[in-house]
Amino acid sequence: MLAQRILSAVVLLPLVLVAAYLGGLYFAVVVAAFALLGNLEFFRMVRHAGHSPYEAMGLSLAAVLLVDGHYPHLGLWRFGIAVAVIFPMVWQIMRQDTHGFLTNWALTLVGALYVGGLAAHMILLRNLPRGLTWLLLTFLVTWVCDTGAYFAGIRWGKRGFFVHISPHKTWEGAIGGFVSGLVAALLVGHWAGLVWWQSLGLGVLLVPGVIFGDLAESLLKRQVGVKDSGTLIPGHGGALDRVDSLLFAGTITYYFLVWLVL
């Protein structure tokens, strides 16, 4: 499993870093590809639980939100949400079928907002002034936190951490991830030009975001009874398994910078 994780990282990391360096439409396309694959996995998971979300509508809304992340001046997100709210209701009325509508409608909207809406913040983050720096900060803190939690859990993990959601998580792993992530935030924040309190503040928000972003997807998988969101990436599962922490991390970093730094 570890060898597969390392091999997958070796293959994917250059793609992500090159796209991040190029920025603009290149990065937006890569983010959109991962997000739409993750959204597709989300809808397949809820179908596994017996629901029938409006998959085409959900993917369309996710795509609109991602495009809006790259072209925010167009204000497309309002249009996308309005259509995604209205069209399934009209469609179901025309079919004169109320069976399961409310759940399926809600899952369609939530799936698009969760994956597409949060992923769009990675695009927004890259398009900020010095966006590459902020993106690398987010990536590094997330990866260090995940890696620290993984190895601390293997080495010292004994006491369960939210085991009803993710049975293999331990307090020792969570503490290892928090400490390593916070140290990374302080060091990388200093490199990025943040003053110490900004680095500390971002770390205190970002590192729990990384941990709970992973747990959030585990909550979804536990609810629908699947182990992984998909099989796309050997050793990691699906696309959503790979980006779950970044969905929270990118969103937190973006608003921290916009509201408190830039």
C-alpha atoms as a PDB file:
ATOM      1  CA  MET A   1       0.000   0.000   0.000  1.00  0.00           C
ATOM      2  CA  LEU A   2       2.775   2.461   0.924  1.00  0.00           C
ATOM      3  CA  ALA A   3       4.682   1.623  -2.275  1.00  0.00           C
ATOM      4  CA  GLN A   4       1.539   2.296  -4.323  1.00  0.00           C
ATOM      5  CA  ARG A   5       0.978   5.610  -2.521  1.00  0.00           C
ATOM      6  CA  ILE A   6       4.555   6.697  -3.243  1.00  0.00           C
ATOM      7  CA  LEU A   7       4.375   5.630  -6.908  1.00  0.00           C
ATOM      8  CA  SER A   8       1.083   7.475  -7.398  1.00  0.00           C
ATOM      9  CA  ALA A   9       2.553  10.587  -5.801  1.00  0.00           C
ATOM     10  CA  VAL A  10       5.614  10.400  -8.071  1.00  0.00           C
ATOM     11  CA  VAL A  11       3.329  10.300 -11.121  1.00  0.00           C
ATOM     12  CA  LEU A  12       0.792  12.943 -10.030  1.00  0.00           C
ATOM     13  CA  LEU A  13       3.009  15.432  -8.201  1.00  0.00           C
ATOM     14  CA  PRO A  14       4.865  16.736 -11.281  1.00  0.00           C
ATOM     15  CA  LEU A  15       1.559  17.231 -13.113  1.00  0.00           C
ATOM     16  CA  VAL A  16       0.095  19.228 -10.234  1.00  0.00           C
ATOM     17  CA  LEU A  17       3.225  21.310  -9.659  1.00  0.00           C
ATOM     18  CA  VAL A  18       3.715  22.131 -13.345  1.00  0.00           C
ATOM     19  CA  ALA A  19       0.062  23.159 -13.638  1.00  0.00           C
ATOM     20  CA  ALA A  20       0.384  25.248 -10.456  1.00  0.00           C
ATOM     21  CA  TYR A  21       3.498  26.947 -11.826  1.00  0.00           C
ATOM     22  CA  LEU A  22       1.853  27.723 -15.175  1.00  0.00           C
ATOM     23  CA  GLY A  23      -1.303  28.955 -13.453  1.00  0.00           C
ATOM     24  CA  GLY A  24      -4.104  30.539 -15.435  1.00  0.00           C
ATOM     25  CA  LEU A  25      -6.209  28.268 -17.592  1.00  0.00           C
ATOM     26  CA  TYR A  26      -3.707  25.399 -17.304  1.00  0.00           C
ATOM     27  CA  PHE A  27      -4.172  25.128 -13.552  1.00  0.00           C
ATOM     28  CA  ALA A  28      -7.913  25.720 -13.781  1.00  0.00           C
ATOM     29  CA  VAL A  29      -8.292  22.811 -16.207  1.00  0.00           C
ATOM     30  CA  VAL A  30      -6.347  20.427 -13.955  1.00  0.00           C
ATOM     31  CA  VAL A  31      -8.376  21.439 -10.905  1.00  0.00           C
ATOM     32  CA  ALA A  32     -11.606  21.124 -12.873  1.00  0.00           C
ATOM     33  CA  ALA A  33     -10.642  17.651 -14.104  1.00  0.00           C
ATOM     34  CA  PHE A  34      -9.954  16.374 -10.581  1.00  0.00           C
ATOM     35  CA  ALA A  35     -13.049  18.093  -9.200  1.00  0.00           C
ATOM     36  CA  LEU A  36     -15.421  16.730 -11.842  1.00  0.00           C
ATOM     37  CA  LEU A  37     -14.011  13.234 -11.392  1.00  0.00           C
ATOM     38  CA  GLY A  38     -14.480  13.660  -7.642  1.00  0.00           C
ATOM     39  CA  ASN A  39     -18.025  14.889  -8.200  1.00  0.00           C
ATOM     40  CA  LEU A  40     -18.775  11.889 -10.381  1.00  0.00           C
ATOM     41  CA  GLU A  41     -17.453   9.640  -7.598  1.00  0.00           C
ATOM     42  CA  PHE A  42     -19.669  11.449  -5.080  1.00  0.00           C
ATOM     43  CA  PHE A  43     -22.775  10.785  -7.149  1.00  0.00           C
ATOM     44  CA  ARG A  44     -21.781   7.153  -7.646  1.00  0.00           C
ATOM     45  CA  MET A  45     -21.351   6.780  -3.880  1.00  0.00           C
ATOM     46  CA  VAL A  46     -24.825   8.094  -3.141  1.00  0.00           C
ATOM     47  CA  ARG A  47     -26.237   5.873  -5.867  1.00  0.00           C
ATOM     48  CA  HIS A  48     -24.596   2.976  -4.019  1.00  0.00           C
ATOM     49  CA  ALA A  49     -26.741   3.966  -1.039  1.00  0.00           C
ATOM     50  CA  GLY A  50     -29.898   3.711  -3.138  1.00  0.00           C
ATOM     51  CA  HIS A  51     -30.413   7.367  -4.071  1.00  0.00           C
ATOM     52  CA  SER A  52     -30.818   8.809  -7.558  1.00  0.00           C
ATOM     53  CA  PRO A  53     -29.247  12.268  -7.788  1.00  0.00           C
ATOM     54  CA  TYR A  54     -29.606  14.289 -10.981  1.00  0.00           C
ATOM     55  CA  GLU A  55     -26.075  13.513 -12.054  1.00  0.00           C
ATOM     56  CA  ALA A  56     -25.954  15.571 -15.246  1.00  0.00           C
ATOM     57  CA  MET A  57     -27.359  18.608 -13.464  1.00  0.00           C
ATOM     58  CA  GLY A  58     -24.936  18.190 -10.553  1.00  0.00           C
ATOM     59  CA  LEU A  59     -21.916  17.902 -12.818  1.00  0.00           C
ATOM     60  CA  SER A  60     -23.099  20.907 -14.834  1.00  0.00           C
ATOM     61  CA  LEU A  61     -23.439  23.003 -11.674  1.00  0.00           C
ATOM     62  CA  ALA A  62     -19.994  21.893 -10.502  1.00  0.00           C
ATOM     63  CA  ALA A  63     -18.555  22.886 -13.892  1.00  0.00           C
ATOM     64  CA  VAL A  64     -20.223  26.315 -13.693  1.00  0.00           C
ATOM     65  CA  LEU A  65     -18.797  26.872 -10.202  1.00  0.00           C
ATOM     66  CA  LEU A  66     -15.330  25.907 -11.406  1.00  0.00           C
ATOM     67  CA  VAL A  67     -15.559  28.207 -14.427  1.00  0.00           C
ATOM     68  CA  ASP A  68     -16.711  30.944 -12.063  1.00  0.00           C
ATOM     69  CA  GLY A  69     -13.561  30.349 -10.019  1.00  0.00           C
ATOM     70  CA  HIS A  70     -11.472  31.303 -13.039  1.00  0.00           C
ATOM     71  CA  TYR A  71     -13.785  34.044 -14.323  1.00  0.00           C
ATOM     72  CA  PRO A  72     -15.397  35.404 -11.122  1.00  0.00           C
ATOM     73  CA  HIS A  73     -16.284  38.711 -12.784  1.00  0.00           C
ATOM     74  CA  LEU A  74     -18.946  36.908 -14.826  1.00  0.00           C
ATOM     75  CA  GLY A  75     -20.917  36.008 -11.688  1.00  0.00           C
ATOM     76  CA  LEU A  76     -21.862  32.622 -13.137  1.00  0.00           C
ATOM     77  CA  TRP A  77     -22.347  30.934  -9.767  1.00  0.00           C
ATOM     78  CA  ARG A  78     -25.667  32.689  -9.169  1.00  0.00           C
ATOM     79  CA  PHE A  79     -26.975  31.592 -12.555  1.00  0.00           C
ATOM     80  CA  GLY A  80     -25.723  28.042 -12.044  1.00  0.00           C
ATOM     81  CA  ILE A  81     -27.303  27.637  -8.627  1.00  0.00           C
ATOM     82  CA  ALA A  82     -30.587  29.160  -9.814  1.00  0.00           C
ATOM     83  CA  VAL A  83     -30.841  26.729 -12.749  1.00  0.00           C
ATOM     84  CA  ALA A  84     -29.799  23.756 -10.591  1.00  0.00           C
ATOM     85  CA  VAL A  85     -32.483  24.622  -8.034  1.00  0.00           C
ATOM     86  CA  ILE A  86     -35.301  25.260 -10.522  1.00  0.00           C
ATOM     87  CA  PHE A  87     -34.762  22.767 -13.347  1.00  0.00           C
ATOM     88  CA  PRO A  88     -34.967  19.495 -11.329  1.00  0.00           C
ATOM     89  CA  MET A  89     -38.170  20.739  -9.668  1.00  0.00           C
ATOM     90  CA  VAL A  90     -39.772  21.549 -13.017  1.00  0.00           C
ATOM     91  CA  TRP A  91     -38.562  18.240 -14.455  1.00  0.00           C
ATOM     92  CA  GLN A  92     -40.035  16.260 -11.579  1.00  0.00           C
ATOM     93  CA  ILE A  93     -43.314  18.179 -11.767  1.00  0.00           C
ATOM     94  CA  MET A  94     -43.581  17.356 -15.475  1.00  0.00           C
ATOM     95  CA  ARG A  95     -42.977  13.700 -14.683  1.00  0.00           C
ATOM     96  CA  GLN A  96     -45.584  13.882 -11.913  1.00  0.00           C
ATOM     97  CA  ASP A  97     -43.365  11.733  -9.737  1.00  0.00           C
ATOM     98  CA  THR A  98     -42.616  12.708  -6.135  1.00  0.00           C
ATOM     99  CA  HIS A  99     -40.825   9.512  -5.103  1.00  0.00           C
ATOM    100  CA  GLY A 100     -37.454  10.345  -3.520  1.00  0.00           C
ATOM    101  CA  PHE A 101     -37.394  13.805  -5.072  1.00  0.00           C
ATOM    102  CA  LEU A 102     -36.415  15.853  -2.022  1.00  0.00           C
ATOM    103  CA  THR A 103     -33.441  13.642  -1.127  1.00  0.00           C
ATOM    104  CA  ASN A 104     -32.206  13.326  -4.705  1.00  0.00           C
ATOM    105  CA  TRP A 105     -32.565  17.066  -5.327  1.00  0.00           C
ATOM    106  CA  ALA A 106     -30.698  17.929  -2.126  1.00  0.00           C
ATOM    107  CA  LEU A 107     -27.910  15.435  -2.860  1.00  0.00           C
ATOM    108  CA  THR A 108     -27.468  16.896  -6.344  1.00  0.00           C
ATOM    109  CA  LEU A 109     -27.002  20.415  -5.007  1.00  0.00           C
ATOM    110  CA  VAL A 110     -24.859  19.417  -2.031  1.00  0.00           C
ATOM    111  CA  GLY A 111     -22.577  17.225  -4.144  1.00  0.00           C
ATOM    112  CA  ALA A 112     -21.878  20.028  -6.610  1.00  0.00           C
ATOM    113  CA  LEU A 113     -21.320  22.594  -3.860  1.00  0.00           C
ATOM    114  CA  TYR A 114     -19.124  20.279  -1.788  1.00  0.00           C
ATOM    115  CA  VAL A 115     -16.743  19.223  -4.545  1.00  0.00           C
ATOM    116  CA  GLY A 116     -17.072  21.766  -7.358  1.00  0.00           C
ATOM    117  CA  GLY A 117     -17.792  24.756  -5.129  1.00  0.00           C
ATOM    118  CA  LEU A 118     -14.944  24.135  -2.702  1.00  0.00           C
ATOM    119  CA  ALA A 119     -12.479  23.126  -5.440  1.00  0.00           C
ATOM    120  CA  ALA A 120     -13.143  26.443  -7.200  1.00  0.00           C
ATOM    121  CA  HIS A 121     -11.382  28.132  -4.277  1.00  0.00           C
ATOM    122  CA  MET A 122      -8.116  26.519  -5.378  1.00  0.00           C
ATOM    123  CA  ILE A 123      -8.466  28.343  -8.686  1.00  0.00           C
ATOM    124  CA  LEU A 124      -9.357  31.584  -6.893  1.00  0.00           C
ATOM    125  CA  LEU A 125      -6.338  31.106  -4.640  1.00  0.00           C
ATOM    126  CA  ARG A 126      -3.938  30.652  -7.575  1.00  0.00           C
ATOM    127  CA  ASN A 127      -5.316  33.781  -9.239  1.00  0.00           C
ATOM    128  CA  LEU A 128      -4.615  36.002  -6.218  1.00  0.00           C
ATOM    129  CA  PRO A 129      -1.547  38.271  -6.258  1.00  0.00           C
ATOM    130  CA  ARG A 130       1.423  35.964  -5.519  1.00  0.00           C
ATOM    131  CA  GLY A 131      -0.992  33.107  -6.028  1.00  0.00           C
ATOM    132  CA  LEU A 132       1.685  30.494  -6.691  1.00  0.00           C
ATOM    133  CA  THR A 133       3.234  31.225  -3.283  1.00  0.00           C
ATOM    134  CA  TRP A 134      -0.097  30.831  -1.479  1.00  0.00           C
ATOM    135  CA  LEU A 135      -0.908  27.690  -3.403  1.00  0.00           C
ATOM    136  CA  LEU A 136       2.437  26.094  -2.549  1.00  0.00           C
ATOM    137  CA  LEU A 137       1.939  27.055   1.094  1.00  0.00           C
ATOM    138  CA  THR A 138      -1.426  25.284   1.086  1.00  0.00           C
ATOM    139  CA  PHE A 139      -0.056  22.216  -0.675  1.00  0.00           C
ATOM    140  CA  LEU A 140       2.976  21.892   1.590  1.00  0.00           C
ATOM    141  CA  VAL A 141       1.084  22.298   4.847  1.00  0.00           C
ATOM    142  CA  THR A 142      -1.561  19.818   3.691  1.00  0.00           C
ATOM    143  CA  TRP A 143       0.958  17.230   2.551  1.00  0.00           C
ATOM    144  CA  VAL A 144       3.133  17.589   5.659  1.00  0.00           C
ATOM    145  CA  CYS A 145       0.086  17.301   7.911  1.00  0.00           C
ATOM    146  CA  ASP A 146      -1.196  14.210   6.081  1.00  0.00           C
ATOM    147  CA  THR A 147       2.242  12.594   6.078  1.00  0.00           C
ATOM    148  CA  GLY A 148       2.895  13.407   9.734  1.00  0.00           C
ATOM    149  CA  ALA A 149      -0.469  11.955  10.736  1.00  0.00           C
ATOM    150  CA  TYR A 150       0.117   8.814   8.665  1.00  0.00           C
ATOM    151  CA  PHE A 151       3.529   7.977  10.093  1.00  0.00           C
ATOM    152  CA  ALA A 152       2.738   9.059  13.666  1.00  0.00           C
ATOM    153  CA  GLY A 153      -0.338   6.848  13.544  1.00  0.00           C
ATOM    154  CA  ILE A 154       1.671   3.874  12.302  1.00  0.00           C
ATOM    155  CA  ARG A 155       4.427   4.383  14.877  1.00  0.00           C
ATOM    156  CA  TRP A 156       2.504   5.375  18.010  1.00  0.00           C
ATOM    157  CA  GLY A 157      -1.200   5.059  17.224  1.00  0.00           C
ATOM    158  CA  LYS A 158      -3.211   3.326  19.959  1.00  0.00           C
ATOM    159  CA  ARG A 159      -6.212   5.453  20.938  1.00  0.00           C
ATOM    160  CA  GLY A 160      -9.015   5.863  18.431  1.00  0.00           C
ATOM    161  CA  PHE A 161      -9.831   9.284  16.984  1.00  0.00           C
ATOM    162  CA  PHE A 162     -13.440   9.539  15.711  1.00  0.00           C
ATOM    163  CA  VAL A 163     -13.368   5.781  15.140  1.00  0.00           C
ATOM    164  CA  HIS A 164     -17.114   5.696  14.407  1.00  0.00           C
ATOM    165  CA  ILE A 165     -16.298   7.748  11.299  1.00  0.00           C
ATOM    166  CA  SER A 166     -12.809   6.517  10.376  1.00  0.00           C
ATOM    167  CA  PRO A 167     -11.802   3.376  12.304  1.00  0.00           C
ATOM    168  CA  HIS A 168      -8.087   3.604  11.524  1.00  0.00           C
ATOM    169  CA  LYS A 169      -7.583   7.183  12.756  1.00  0.00           C
ATOM    170  CA  THR A 170      -5.831   7.616  16.114  1.00  0.00           C
ATOM    171  CA  TRP A 171      -5.253  10.493  18.505  1.00  0.00           C
ATOM    172  CA  GLU A 172      -1.513   9.955  18.166  1.00  0.00           C
ATOM    173  CA  GLY A 173      -1.778  10.286  14.400  1.00  0.00           C
ATOM    174  CA  ALA A 174      -3.971  13.393  14.678  1.00  0.00           C
ATOM    175  CA  ILE A 175      -1.510  15.020  17.118  1.00  0.00           C
ATOM    176  CA  GLY A 176       1.411  14.096  14.865  1.00  0.00           C
ATOM    177  CA  GLY A 177      -0.384  15.645  11.900  1.00  0.00           C
ATOM    178  CA  PHE A 178      -1.316  18.771  13.851  1.00  0.00           C
ATOM    179  CA  VAL A 179       2.200  19.392  15.184  1.00  0.00           C
ATOM    180  CA  SER A 180       3.945  18.701  11.870  1.00  0.00           C
ATOM    181  CA  GLY A 181       1.382  20.776   9.965  1.00  0.00           C
ATOM    182  CA  LEU A 182       1.664  23.698  12.371  1.00  0.00           C
ATOM    183  CA  VAL A 183       5.461  23.682  12.168  1.00  0.00           C
ATOM    184  CA  ALA A 184       5.182  23.582   8.374  1.00  0.00           C
ATOM    185  CA  ALA A 185       2.754  26.520   8.430  1.00  0.00           C
ATOM    186  CA  LEU A 186       5.167  28.587  10.539  1.00  0.00           C
ATOM    187  CA  LEU A 187       8.169  27.775   8.355  1.00  0.00           C
ATOM    188  CA  VAL A 188       6.456  28.049   4.969  1.00  0.00           C
ATOM    189  CA  GLY A 189       4.516  31.119   6.137  1.00  0.00           C
ATOM    190  CA  HIS A 190       7.796  32.828   7.001  1.00  0.00           C
ATOM    191  CA  TRP A 191       9.166  31.903   3.577  1.00  0.00           C
ATOM    192  CA  ALA A 192       5.999  33.303   1.995  1.00  0.00           C
ATOM    193  CA  GLY A 193       6.492  36.651   3.736  1.00  0.00           C
ATOM    194  CA  LEU A 194       3.823  36.376   6.420  1.00  0.00           C
ATOM    195  CA  VAL A 195       4.544  37.815   9.852  1.00  0.00           C
ATOM    196  CA  TRP A 196       4.674  35.257  12.651  1.00  0.00           C
ATOM    197  CA  TRP A 197       1.146  35.829  13.932  1.00  0.00           C
ATOM    198  CA  GLN A 198      -0.274  35.482  10.437  1.00  0.00           C
ATOM    199  CA  SER A 199       1.587  32.198   9.933  1.00  0.00           C
ATOM    200  CA  LEU A 200       0.427  30.969  13.333  1.00  0.00           C
ATOM    201  CA  GLY A 201      -3.160  32.051  12.743  1.00  0.00           C
ATOM    202  CA  LEU A 202      -3.260  30.414   9.331  1.00  0.00           C
ATOM    203  CA  GLY A 203      -1.740  27.240  10.753  1.00  0.00           C
ATOM    204  CA  VAL A 204      -4.247  27.070  13.600  1.00  0.00           C
ATOM    205  CA  LEU A 205      -7.093  27.262  11.065  1.00  0.00           C
ATOM    206  CA  LEU A 206      -5.554  25.370   8.177  1.00  0.00           C
ATOM    207  CA  VAL A 207      -4.234  22.282   9.955  1.00  0.00           C
ATOM    208  CA  PRO A 208      -7.577  21.330  11.585  1.00  0.00           C
ATOM    209  CA  GLY A 209      -9.137  22.036   8.190  1.00  0.00           C
ATOM    210  CA  VAL A 210      -6.836  19.432   6.627  1.00  0.00           C
ATOM    211  CA  ILE A 211      -7.681  16.884   9.334  1.00  0.00           C
ATOM    212  CA  PHE A 212     -11.425  17.482   9.215  1.00  0.00           C
ATOM    213  CA  GLY A 213     -11.466  17.649   5.416  1.00  0.00           C
ATOM    214  CA  ASP A 214     -10.274  14.051   5.407  1.00  0.00           C
ATOM    215  CA  LEU A 215     -12.757  13.074   8.125  1.00  0.00           C
ATOM    216  CA  ALA A 216     -15.585  14.784   6.243  1.00  0.00           C
ATOM    217  CA  GLU A 217     -15.155  12.482   3.280  1.00  0.00           C
ATOM    218  CA  SER A 218     -14.846   9.517   5.646  1.00  0.00           C
ATOM    219  CA  LEU A 219     -18.199  10.578   7.110  1.00  0.00           C
ATOM    220  CA  LEU A 220     -19.741  10.431   3.632  1.00  0.00           C
ATOM    221  CA  LYS A 221     -18.207   7.045   2.848  1.00  0.00           C
ATOM    222  CA  ARG A 222     -19.354   5.634   6.186  1.00  0.00           C
ATOM    223  CA  GLN A 223     -22.870   6.904   5.471  1.00  0.00           C
ATOM    224  CA  VAL A 224     -23.108   5.164   2.104  1.00  0.00           C
ATOM    225  CA  GLY A 225     -21.084   2.073   3.022  1.00  0.00           C
ATOM    226  CA  VAL A 226     -18.019   2.270   0.756  1.00  0.00           C
ATOM    227  CA  LYS A 227     -14.312   2.077   1.586  1.00  0.00           C
ATOM    228  CA  ASP A 228     -13.014   4.429  -1.116  1.00  0.00           C
ATOM    229  CA  SER A 229     -14.689   6.942  -3.391  1.00  0.00           C
ATOM    230  CA  GLY A 230     -13.202   5.163  -6.418  1.00  0.00           C
ATOM    231  CA  THR A 231     -10.223   3.230  -7.791  1.00  0.00           C
ATOM    232  CA  LEU A 232      -8.639   5.856 -10.044  1.00  0.00           C
ATOM    233  CA  ILE A 233      -5.395   6.313  -8.063  1.00  0.00           C
ATOM    234  CA  PRO A 234      -3.597   3.168  -6.796  1.00  0.00           C
ATOM    235  CA  GLY A 235      -2.924   3.367  -3.068  1.00  0.00           C
ATOM    236  CA  HIS A 236      -5.195   6.380  -2.633  1.00  0.00           C
ATOM    237  CA  GLY A 237      -8.567   5.297  -3.991  1.00  0.00           C
ATOM    238  CA  GLY A 238     -10.478   7.813  -6.069  1.00  0.00           C
ATOM    239  CA  ALA A 239      -9.940  11.430  -7.046  1.00  0.00           C
ATOM    240  CA  LEU A 240     -12.101  12.573  -4.136  1.00  0.00           C
ATOM    241  CA  ASP A 241      -9.979  10.532  -1.716  1.00  0.00           C
ATOM    242  CA  ARG A 242      -6.940  12.419  -2.972  1.00  0.00           C
ATOM    243  CA  VAL A 243      -8.341  15.964  -2.779  1.00  0.00           C
ATOM    244  CA  ASP A 244     -10.664  15.757   0.239  1.00  0.00           C
ATOM    245  CA  SER A 245      -8.266  17.615   2.578  1.00  0.00           C
ATOM    246  CA  LEU A 246      -7.410  20.197  -0.080  1.00  0.00           C
ATOM    247  CA  LEU A 247     -11.078  21.078  -0.553  1.00  0.00           C
ATOM    248  CA  PHE A 248     -11.145  22.432   3.002  1.00  0.00           C
ATOM    249  CA  ALA A 249      -7.537  23.666   3.000  1.00  0.00           C
ATOM    250  CA  GLY A 250      -7.761  25.760  -0.167  1.00  0.00           C
ATOM    251  CA  THR A 251     -11.007  27.368   0.959  1.00  0.00           C
ATOM    252  CA  ILE A 252      -9.609  28.262   4.406  1.00  0.00           C
ATOM    253  CA  THR A 253      -6.384  29.696   2.988  1.00  0.00           C
ATOM    254  CA  TYR A 254      -8.234  31.756   0.399  1.00  0.00           C
ATOM    255  CA  TYR A 255     -10.532  33.498   2.872  1.00  0.00           C
ATOM    256  CA  PHE A 256      -7.770  33.951   5.455  1.00  0.00           C
ATOM    257  CA  LEU A 257      -5.642  35.764   2.876  1.00  0.00           C
ATOM    258  CA  VAL A 258      -8.489  37.822   1.413  1.00  0.00           C
ATOM    259  CA  TRP A 259      -9.864  38.909   4.775  1.00  0.00           C
ATOM    260  CA  LEU A 260      -6.726  39.225   6.909  1.00  0.00           C
ATOM    261  CA  VAL A 261      -3.615  39.549   4.739  1.00  0.00           C
ATOM    262  CA  LEU A 262      -4.174  40.998   1.264  1.00  0.00           C
END
